[in-house]
């Protein structure tokens, strides 16, 4: 599997372009603020053809470029229904300090023509790839992770984690739609319930593994994956 990742925008949110191999169809995960130029460069470099956009959640730093990407390529966007309202009203979900940092001048906020809602436990099969969807609320009400059965450096399973878990940290819960109890339950079920070899591609910062986070992430201490099942 080919995975091209790069940070975008004021909050350096990671965007990922994922394909079975160079020269094939691909999906774009979390096209955030000012992501279009970097996405186009990755598509050109690897001769890729977008087939869909997958959104881990509806925060602006992860979806600011969803409309121009979908419009230019005529592809659908996938999002959990609890976060779908943010496609048309992202600013209403942001704290004041975010609005001051993010450059939203000239950005049009409306849904792409083709929006498809994600359901917990469903699969998105597109571009020759299969992603299992797991609802993981806490950072936002509609946060999800996308899993693939292989594709890591040595064929390990991979998880596009959005802002659920980072290397050494977790997503904040003090934004509108956030919930500390829901976050703890999602971390226990989704993160601690995963195999140690799972490669985590987070919404911010470097990639990590479940095993590394299980052993060293202070925010996971005291949680039990079995208890949350």
C-alpha atoms as a PDB file:
ATOM      1  CA  UNK A   1       0.000   0.000   0.000  1.00  0.00           C
ATOM      2  CA  UNK A   2       1.157   3.524  -0.856  1.00  0.00           C
ATOM      3  CA  UNK A   3       0.544   6.103   1.899  1.00  0.00           C
ATOM      4  CA  UNK A   4       1.649   9.700   1.407  1.00  0.00           C
ATOM      5  CA  UNK A   5       1.157  11.894   4.474  1.00  0.00           C
ATOM      6  CA  UNK A   6       1.832  15.581   5.052  1.00  0.00           C
ATOM      7  CA  UNK A   7       0.801  18.293   7.557  1.00  0.00           C
ATOM      8  CA  UNK A   8      -1.563  21.041   6.430  1.00  0.00           C
ATOM      9  CA  UNK A   9      -2.629  24.444   7.658  1.00  0.00           C
ATOM     10  CA  UNK A  10      -2.248  26.430  10.851  1.00  0.00           C
ATOM     11  CA  UNK A  11      -2.634  23.397  13.122  1.00  0.00           C
ATOM     12  CA  UNK A  12      -0.487  21.031  11.024  1.00  0.00           C
ATOM     13  CA  UNK A  13      -3.298  18.497  10.656  1.00  0.00           C
ATOM     14  CA  UNK A  14      -2.151  15.421   8.773  1.00  0.00           C
ATOM     15  CA  UNK A  15      -3.655  14.666   5.380  1.00  0.00           C
ATOM     16  CA  UNK A  16      -3.087  11.231   3.832  1.00  0.00           C
ATOM     17  CA  UNK A  17      -3.282  10.044   0.240  1.00  0.00           C
ATOM     18  CA  UNK A  18      -3.733   6.273   0.171  1.00  0.00           C
ATOM     19  CA  UNK A  19      -3.595   3.893  -2.797  1.00  0.00           C
ATOM     20  CA  UNK A  20      -2.842   0.238  -3.508  1.00  0.00           C
ATOM     21  CA  UNK A  21       0.181   1.387  -5.532  1.00  0.00           C
ATOM     22  CA  UNK A  22       1.449   4.205  -7.713  1.00  0.00           C
ATOM     23  CA  UNK A  23      -0.530   4.771 -10.896  1.00  0.00           C
ATOM     24  CA  UNK A  24      -3.841   3.632  -9.403  1.00  0.00           C
ATOM     25  CA  UNK A  25      -6.980   5.068  -7.808  1.00  0.00           C
ATOM     26  CA  UNK A  26      -6.651   6.516  -4.318  1.00  0.00           C
ATOM     27  CA  UNK A  27      -8.532   7.962  -1.372  1.00  0.00           C
ATOM     28  CA  UNK A  28      -7.750  11.199   0.441  1.00  0.00           C
ATOM     29  CA  UNK A  29      -8.088  11.187   4.228  1.00  0.00           C
ATOM     30  CA  UNK A  30      -8.704  14.537   5.973  1.00  0.00           C
ATOM     31  CA  UNK A  31      -7.975  17.253   3.383  1.00  0.00           C
ATOM     32  CA  UNK A  32      -7.473  20.105   5.829  1.00  0.00           C
ATOM     33  CA  UNK A  33      -6.652  23.787   5.606  1.00  0.00           C
ATOM     34  CA  UNK A  34      -4.594  24.756   2.527  1.00  0.00           C
ATOM     35  CA  UNK A  35      -4.280  21.098   1.476  1.00  0.00           C
ATOM     36  CA  UNK A  36      -5.141  21.349  -2.220  1.00  0.00           C
ATOM     37  CA  UNK A  37      -1.673  22.196  -3.531  1.00  0.00           C
ATOM     38  CA  UNK A  38       0.037  19.415  -1.571  1.00  0.00           C
ATOM     39  CA  UNK A  39      -2.644  16.912  -2.575  1.00  0.00           C
ATOM     40  CA  UNK A  40      -2.270  17.809  -6.245  1.00  0.00           C
ATOM     41  CA  UNK A  41       1.509  17.438  -5.984  1.00  0.00           C
ATOM     42  CA  UNK A  42       1.166  13.967  -4.443  1.00  0.00           C
ATOM     43  CA  UNK A  43      -1.361  12.914  -7.091  1.00  0.00           C
ATOM     44  CA  UNK A  44       0.914  14.081  -9.890  1.00  0.00           C
ATOM     45  CA  UNK A  45       4.056  12.552  -8.397  1.00  0.00           C
ATOM     46  CA  UNK A  46       2.496   9.117  -7.947  1.00  0.00           C
ATOM     47  CA  UNK A  47       0.088   9.265 -10.935  1.00  0.00           C
ATOM     48  CA  UNK A  48      -2.960   8.748  -8.720  1.00  0.00           C
ATOM     49  CA  UNK A  49      -6.663   9.205  -9.440  1.00  0.00           C
ATOM     50  CA  UNK A  50      -8.849  10.186  -6.451  1.00  0.00           C
ATOM     51  CA  UNK A  51     -11.946   8.086  -5.893  1.00  0.00           C
ATOM     52  CA  UNK A  52     -13.179   9.401  -2.517  1.00  0.00           C
ATOM     53  CA  UNK A  53     -12.485  11.627   0.475  1.00  0.00           C
ATOM     54  CA  UNK A  54     -12.675  10.104   3.954  1.00  0.00           C
ATOM     55  CA  UNK A  55     -13.121  12.386   6.976  1.00  0.00           C
ATOM     56  CA  UNK A  56     -12.186  11.206  10.450  1.00  0.00           C
ATOM     57  CA  UNK A  57     -14.245  14.055  11.908  1.00  0.00           C
ATOM     58  CA  UNK A  58     -15.714  17.423  11.064  1.00  0.00           C
ATOM     59  CA  UNK A  59     -13.265  19.908  12.567  1.00  0.00           C
ATOM     60  CA  UNK A  60     -12.138  22.576  10.130  1.00  0.00           C
ATOM     61  CA  UNK A  61      -8.438  21.770  10.376  1.00  0.00           C
ATOM     62  CA  UNK A  62      -9.243  18.318   8.945  1.00  0.00           C
ATOM     63  CA  UNK A  63     -11.866  19.202   6.313  1.00  0.00           C
ATOM     64  CA  UNK A  64     -11.358  22.791   5.141  1.00  0.00           C
ATOM     65  CA  UNK A  65     -10.403  21.591   1.640  1.00  0.00           C
ATOM     66  CA  UNK A  66     -13.064  18.906   1.255  1.00  0.00           C
ATOM     67  CA  UNK A  67     -15.258  20.994  -1.048  1.00  0.00           C
ATOM     68  CA  UNK A  68     -12.594  22.028  -3.601  1.00  0.00           C
ATOM     69  CA  UNK A  69     -11.106  18.512  -3.624  1.00  0.00           C
ATOM     70  CA  UNK A  70     -14.469  16.835  -4.203  1.00  0.00           C
ATOM     71  CA  UNK A  71     -15.589  19.399  -6.761  1.00  0.00           C
ATOM     72  CA  UNK A  72     -12.383  19.275  -8.792  1.00  0.00           C
ATOM     73  CA  UNK A  73     -12.357  15.465  -8.942  1.00  0.00           C
ATOM     74  CA  UNK A  74     -16.115  14.737  -8.787  1.00  0.00           C
ATOM     75  CA  UNK A  75     -15.719  12.304  -5.879  1.00  0.00           C
ATOM     76  CA  UNK A  76     -17.849  11.618  -2.778  1.00  0.00           C
ATOM     77  CA  UNK A  77     -17.024  12.615   0.789  1.00  0.00           C
ATOM     78  CA  UNK A  78     -17.622  10.201   3.668  1.00  0.00           C
ATOM     79  CA  UNK A  79     -18.375  11.519   7.174  1.00  0.00           C
ATOM     80  CA  UNK A  80     -20.200  10.330  10.278  1.00  0.00           C
ATOM     81  CA  UNK A  81     -23.714  11.855  10.510  1.00  0.00           C
ATOM     82  CA  UNK A  82     -23.030  13.381  13.944  1.00  0.00           C
ATOM     83  CA  UNK A  83     -20.333  15.616  12.393  1.00  0.00           C
ATOM     84  CA  UNK A  84     -22.038  16.211   9.043  1.00  0.00           C
ATOM     85  CA  UNK A  85     -23.494  19.623  10.107  1.00  0.00           C
ATOM     86  CA  UNK A  86     -19.949  20.952  10.392  1.00  0.00           C
ATOM     87  CA  UNK A  87     -19.514  20.717   6.618  1.00  0.00           C
ATOM     88  CA  UNK A  88     -21.817  23.736   6.246  1.00  0.00           C
ATOM     89  CA  UNK A  89     -21.196  25.463   9.607  1.00  0.00           C
ATOM     90  CA  UNK A  90     -17.657  24.678  10.776  1.00  0.00           C
ATOM     91  CA  UNK A  91     -17.066  27.987  12.544  1.00  0.00           C
ATOM     92  CA  UNK A  92     -19.967  27.486  14.907  1.00  0.00           C
ATOM     93  CA  UNK A  93     -18.156  24.472  16.352  1.00  0.00           C
ATOM     94  CA  UNK A  94     -14.859  26.235  16.986  1.00  0.00           C
ATOM     95  CA  UNK A  95     -13.599  28.144  20.023  1.00  0.00           C
ATOM     96  CA  UNK A  96     -12.737  31.802  19.518  1.00  0.00           C
ATOM     97  CA  UNK A  97      -8.960  31.239  19.508  1.00  0.00           C
ATOM     98  CA  UNK A  98      -9.255  28.827  16.583  1.00  0.00           C
ATOM     99  CA  UNK A  99     -11.191  31.371  14.544  1.00  0.00           C
ATOM    100  CA  UNK A 100      -8.406  33.896  15.089  1.00  0.00           C
ATOM    101  CA  UNK A 101      -5.689  31.479  13.919  1.00  0.00           C
ATOM    102  CA  UNK A 102      -7.394  29.761  10.998  1.00  0.00           C
ATOM    103  CA  UNK A 103      -7.430  31.677   7.726  1.00  0.00           C
ATOM    104  CA  UNK A 104     -10.934  31.104   6.378  1.00  0.00           C
ATOM    105  CA  UNK A 105     -11.088  34.162   4.138  1.00  0.00           C
ATOM    106  CA  UNK A 106     -12.527  33.225   0.768  1.00  0.00           C
ATOM    107  CA  UNK A 107     -13.433  29.658   1.794  1.00  0.00           C
ATOM    108  CA  UNK A 108     -16.937  28.539   0.827  1.00  0.00           C
ATOM    109  CA  UNK A 109     -18.654  26.260   3.289  1.00  0.00           C
ATOM    110  CA  UNK A 110     -21.251  23.911   1.855  1.00  0.00           C
ATOM    111  CA  UNK A 111     -21.576  20.203   1.392  1.00  0.00           C
ATOM    112  CA  UNK A 112     -20.017  18.517  -1.621  1.00  0.00           C
ATOM    113  CA  UNK A 113     -22.601  17.243  -4.092  1.00  0.00           C
ATOM    114  CA  UNK A 114     -22.119  13.652  -2.932  1.00  0.00           C
ATOM    115  CA  UNK A 115     -21.924  13.106   0.846  1.00  0.00           C
ATOM    116  CA  UNK A 116     -22.138   9.580   2.221  1.00  0.00           C
ATOM    117  CA  UNK A 117     -22.665   8.862   5.899  1.00  0.00           C
ATOM    118  CA  UNK A 118     -20.478   6.450   7.817  1.00  0.00           C
ATOM    119  CA  UNK A 119     -21.837   3.850  10.224  1.00  0.00           C
ATOM    120  CA  UNK A 120     -20.008   2.077  13.010  1.00  0.00           C
ATOM    121  CA  UNK A 121     -18.807  -1.342  11.899  1.00  0.00           C
ATOM    122  CA  UNK A 122     -19.373  -0.659   8.210  1.00  0.00           C
ATOM    123  CA  UNK A 123     -16.777  -0.879   5.450  1.00  0.00           C
ATOM    124  CA  UNK A 124     -15.837   1.637   2.800  1.00  0.00           C
ATOM    125  CA  UNK A 125     -14.659  -0.278  -0.243  1.00  0.00           C
ATOM    126  CA  UNK A 126     -13.189   2.096  -2.787  1.00  0.00           C
ATOM    127  CA  UNK A 127     -10.116   2.460  -5.013  1.00  0.00           C
ATOM    128  CA  UNK A 128      -9.249  -1.207  -4.528  1.00  0.00           C
ATOM    129  CA  UNK A 129      -9.001  -0.625  -0.770  1.00  0.00           C
ATOM    130  CA  UNK A 130     -11.208  -1.617   2.148  1.00  0.00           C
ATOM    131  CA  UNK A 131     -11.518   0.535   5.269  1.00  0.00           C
ATOM    132  CA  UNK A 132     -13.403  -0.639   8.348  1.00  0.00           C
ATOM    133  CA  UNK A 133     -15.169   2.208  10.136  1.00  0.00           C
ATOM    134  CA  UNK A 134     -15.224   2.434  13.928  1.00  0.00           C
ATOM    135  CA  UNK A 135     -17.142   5.208  15.637  1.00  0.00           C
ATOM    136  CA  UNK A 136     -14.846   6.716  18.289  1.00  0.00           C
ATOM    137  CA  UNK A 137     -16.585   9.731  19.877  1.00  0.00           C
ATOM    138  CA  UNK A 138     -14.937  11.910  22.468  1.00  0.00           C
ATOM    139  CA  UNK A 139     -12.927  14.461  20.509  1.00  0.00           C
ATOM    140  CA  UNK A 140     -16.095  15.131  18.534  1.00  0.00           C
ATOM    141  CA  UNK A 141     -19.465  13.405  18.496  1.00  0.00           C
ATOM    142  CA  UNK A 142     -18.858  11.967  15.037  1.00  0.00           C
ATOM    143  CA  UNK A 143     -15.182  11.026  15.241  1.00  0.00           C
ATOM    144  CA  UNK A 144     -14.280   7.754  13.544  1.00  0.00           C
ATOM    145  CA  UNK A 145     -11.163   5.761  12.789  1.00  0.00           C
ATOM    146  CA  UNK A 146     -10.500   3.928   9.533  1.00  0.00           C
ATOM    147  CA  UNK A 147      -8.753   0.562   9.684  1.00  0.00           C
ATOM    148  CA  UNK A 148      -7.073  -1.430   6.952  1.00  0.00           C
ATOM    149  CA  UNK A 149      -6.115  -5.064   7.373  1.00  0.00           C
ATOM    150  CA  UNK A 150      -2.620  -4.563   5.995  1.00  0.00           C
ATOM    151  CA  UNK A 151      -0.390  -1.955   4.481  1.00  0.00           C
ATOM    152  CA  UNK A 152       2.085  -1.093   7.231  1.00  0.00           C
ATOM    153  CA  UNK A 153       5.834  -1.187   6.638  1.00  0.00           C
ATOM    154  CA  UNK A 154       5.844  -4.984   6.938  1.00  0.00           C
ATOM    155  CA  UNK A 155       2.200  -5.676   6.204  1.00  0.00           C
ATOM    156  CA  UNK A 156       0.873  -4.666   9.631  1.00  0.00           C
ATOM    157  CA  UNK A 157      -2.713  -3.443  10.037  1.00  0.00           C
ATOM    158  CA  UNK A 158      -3.086   0.328   9.910  1.00  0.00           C
ATOM    159  CA  UNK A 159      -5.428   2.761  11.636  1.00  0.00           C
ATOM    160  CA  UNK A 160      -6.117   6.294  10.464  1.00  0.00           C
ATOM    161  CA  UNK A 161      -6.904   7.632  13.912  1.00  0.00           C
ATOM    162  CA  UNK A 162      -7.873  11.264  13.376  1.00  0.00           C
ATOM    163  CA  UNK A 163      -7.679  13.055  16.714  1.00  0.00           C
ATOM    164  CA  UNK A 164      -8.426  10.037  18.892  1.00  0.00           C
ATOM    165  CA  UNK A 165      -4.830   9.217  19.807  1.00  0.00           C
ATOM    166  CA  UNK A 166      -1.419  10.682  18.993  1.00  0.00           C
ATOM    167  CA  UNK A 167       2.143   9.659  19.711  1.00  0.00           C
ATOM    168  CA  UNK A 168       2.291  10.243  23.457  1.00  0.00           C
ATOM    169  CA  UNK A 169      -1.009  12.068  23.720  1.00  0.00           C
ATOM    170  CA  UNK A 170      -4.738  12.042  22.885  1.00  0.00           C
ATOM    171  CA  UNK A 171      -7.258  14.426  21.346  1.00  0.00           C
ATOM    172  CA  UNK A 172      -8.739  17.223  23.412  1.00  0.00           C
ATOM    173  CA  UNK A 173     -12.306  16.973  24.671  1.00  0.00           C
ATOM    174  CA  UNK A 174     -13.067  20.599  25.527  1.00  0.00           C
ATOM    175  CA  UNK A 175     -14.339  21.598  22.076  1.00  0.00           C
ATOM    176  CA  UNK A 176     -18.069  21.625  21.235  1.00  0.00           C
ATOM    177  CA  UNK A 177     -19.175  18.018  20.816  1.00  0.00           C
ATOM    178  CA  UNK A 178     -16.311  16.734  22.948  1.00  0.00           C
ATOM    179  CA  UNK A 179     -16.953  14.377  25.843  1.00  0.00           C
ATOM    180  CA  UNK A 180     -14.347  13.159  28.314  1.00  0.00           C
ATOM    181  CA  UNK A 181     -16.236   9.997  29.289  1.00  0.00           C
ATOM    182  CA  UNK A 182     -16.858   9.115  25.640  1.00  0.00           C
ATOM    183  CA  UNK A 183     -13.175   9.689  24.883  1.00  0.00           C
ATOM    184  CA  UNK A 184     -12.073   7.346  27.632  1.00  0.00           C
ATOM    185  CA  UNK A 185     -14.470   4.679  26.401  1.00  0.00           C
ATOM    186  CA  UNK A 186     -13.253   5.098  22.807  1.00  0.00           C
ATOM    187  CA  UNK A 187      -9.618   4.910  23.851  1.00  0.00           C
ATOM    188  CA  UNK A 188     -10.268   1.725  25.813  1.00  0.00           C
ATOM    189  CA  UNK A 189     -12.335   0.065  23.109  1.00  0.00           C
ATOM    190  CA  UNK A 190     -10.634   1.233  19.915  1.00  0.00           C
ATOM    191  CA  UNK A 191      -7.027   1.818  20.959  1.00  0.00           C
ATOM    192  CA  UNK A 192      -6.444  -0.715  23.719  1.00  0.00           C
ATOM    193  CA  UNK A 193      -8.625  -3.194  21.873  1.00  0.00           C
ATOM    194  CA  UNK A 194      -6.205  -3.165  18.923  1.00  0.00           C
ATOM    195  CA  UNK A 195      -3.198  -5.378  18.339  1.00  0.00           C
ATOM    196  CA  UNK A 196       0.187  -3.999  19.345  1.00  0.00           C
ATOM    197  CA  UNK A 197       1.538  -4.159  15.790  1.00  0.00           C
ATOM    198  CA  UNK A 198      -1.177  -1.856  14.445  1.00  0.00           C
ATOM    199  CA  UNK A 199       0.398   1.211  12.821  1.00  0.00           C
ATOM    200  CA  UNK A 200      -1.347   4.414  13.908  1.00  0.00           C
ATOM    201  CA  UNK A 201      -1.476   7.319  11.459  1.00  0.00           C
ATOM    202  CA  UNK A 202      -2.776  10.163  13.626  1.00  0.00           C
ATOM    203  CA  UNK A 203      -4.396  13.456  12.781  1.00  0.00           C
ATOM    204  CA  UNK A 204      -1.383  15.380  14.108  1.00  0.00           C
ATOM    205  CA  UNK A 205       2.257  14.478  14.630  1.00  0.00           C
ATOM    206  CA  UNK A 206       4.285  11.388  13.714  1.00  0.00           C
ATOM    207  CA  UNK A 207       3.011   7.887  13.183  1.00  0.00           C
ATOM    208  CA  UNK A 208       3.227   5.439  16.042  1.00  0.00           C
ATOM    209  CA  UNK A 209       2.027   1.944  16.977  1.00  0.00           C
ATOM    210  CA  UNK A 210      -0.566   0.666  19.406  1.00  0.00           C
ATOM    211  CA  UNK A 211       2.132  -1.253  21.278  1.00  0.00           C
ATOM    212  CA  UNK A 212       4.213   1.876  21.775  1.00  0.00           C
ATOM    213  CA  UNK A 213       1.227   3.855  23.025  1.00  0.00           C
ATOM    214  CA  UNK A 214       0.019   1.039  25.266  1.00  0.00           C
ATOM    215  CA  UNK A 215       3.436   0.986  26.937  1.00  0.00           C
ATOM    216  CA  UNK A 216       4.173   4.696  27.213  1.00  0.00           C
ATOM    217  CA  UNK A 217       1.165   6.955  26.591  1.00  0.00           C
ATOM    218  CA  UNK A 218       0.239   8.411  30.023  1.00  0.00           C
ATOM    219  CA  UNK A 219      -3.353   9.068  28.933  1.00  0.00           C
ATOM    220  CA  UNK A 220      -4.005   5.341  28.482  1.00  0.00           C
ATOM    221  CA  UNK A 221      -3.018   4.361  32.014  1.00  0.00           C
ATOM    222  CA  UNK A 222      -5.862   2.964  34.049  1.00  0.00           C
ATOM    223  CA  UNK A 223      -7.987   2.154  31.004  1.00  0.00           C
ATOM    224  CA  UNK A 224      -8.974  -1.406  30.157  1.00  0.00           C
ATOM    225  CA  UNK A 225      -9.739  -2.544  26.640  1.00  0.00           C
ATOM    226  CA  UNK A 226     -11.659  -5.546  27.919  1.00  0.00           C
ATOM    227  CA  UNK A 227     -13.751  -3.445  30.286  1.00  0.00           C
ATOM    228  CA  UNK A 228     -15.003  -1.280  27.433  1.00  0.00           C
ATOM    229  CA  UNK A 229     -16.078  -4.136  25.169  1.00  0.00           C
END
